[in-house]
């Protein structure tokens, strides 16, 4: 059989123009046939015409527009934005660049946080000189903890928490233990004893955070949302609910 040519001469009355079939356009541009069909479906890029057998044809004008679409996509523009620009016949170049720059900055920030997380994990793993079979478990727990902290605290805040970890543990742990004893003993949430304990809890958090109320609020939010955080501090669900009742009583006292 004779192979069909991917080139077609289109008669535009004034001049003959060479057009490519969709498969040839896909090969030359790296854009899949499926994508080209989709662009046509949404009205973003339509072929100049069709052959007698129904094959789509693309001239230099359509291929140039396809290149423009790909360039704008590379800058982070969505197809709906690109379509709107073509409809208006103009592009807000400064706006496009500013938006893309903002996206790049956010991505760089995320990569920076990931780099810091990986460095912290590596430091901890370097300190584990004994491979007793628990390395994997330790690694996974470390990743979970650091990922959780990254969700609620900035790198600077995490450093502050790390710097106060020893003193914080000495201060926070006894308070949690005393609160658990109060719960087990049936001390009413609205009693002076319970309020005194919750005051000690507040003071302990202020010591750990250096009095940063935003960090204190982040700790409370983390404890509320993350079971892992409560478990690591020895706070059961029942105890956390009890602490909430005491705090609510404090607010309405």
Foldseek 3Di string as FASTA:
>chain_A
DDDDDQWDWDCPPVDTFIWGFLVVLCVVPVPDSVVVVVCVVVVNAAAPDADPVGTGIHTPVRSVSVVVVVVLVVLVDDSVLSSVCVVVVHDPVVVSNVVSVVVVVVVVVVVVLVVVLVVVLVVVLVPPPDPPPCSVVVSVVSSVVSVLCVVQDDPVQVVLLVVCVVVLCVQLLVLLVVLVVCVVVVPALLDPVNLVSLVSNVVSVCVSRVNPVSVVVSLLVSVVPPPVSCVVSVHDPVSNVSSVSNVVSVVVD
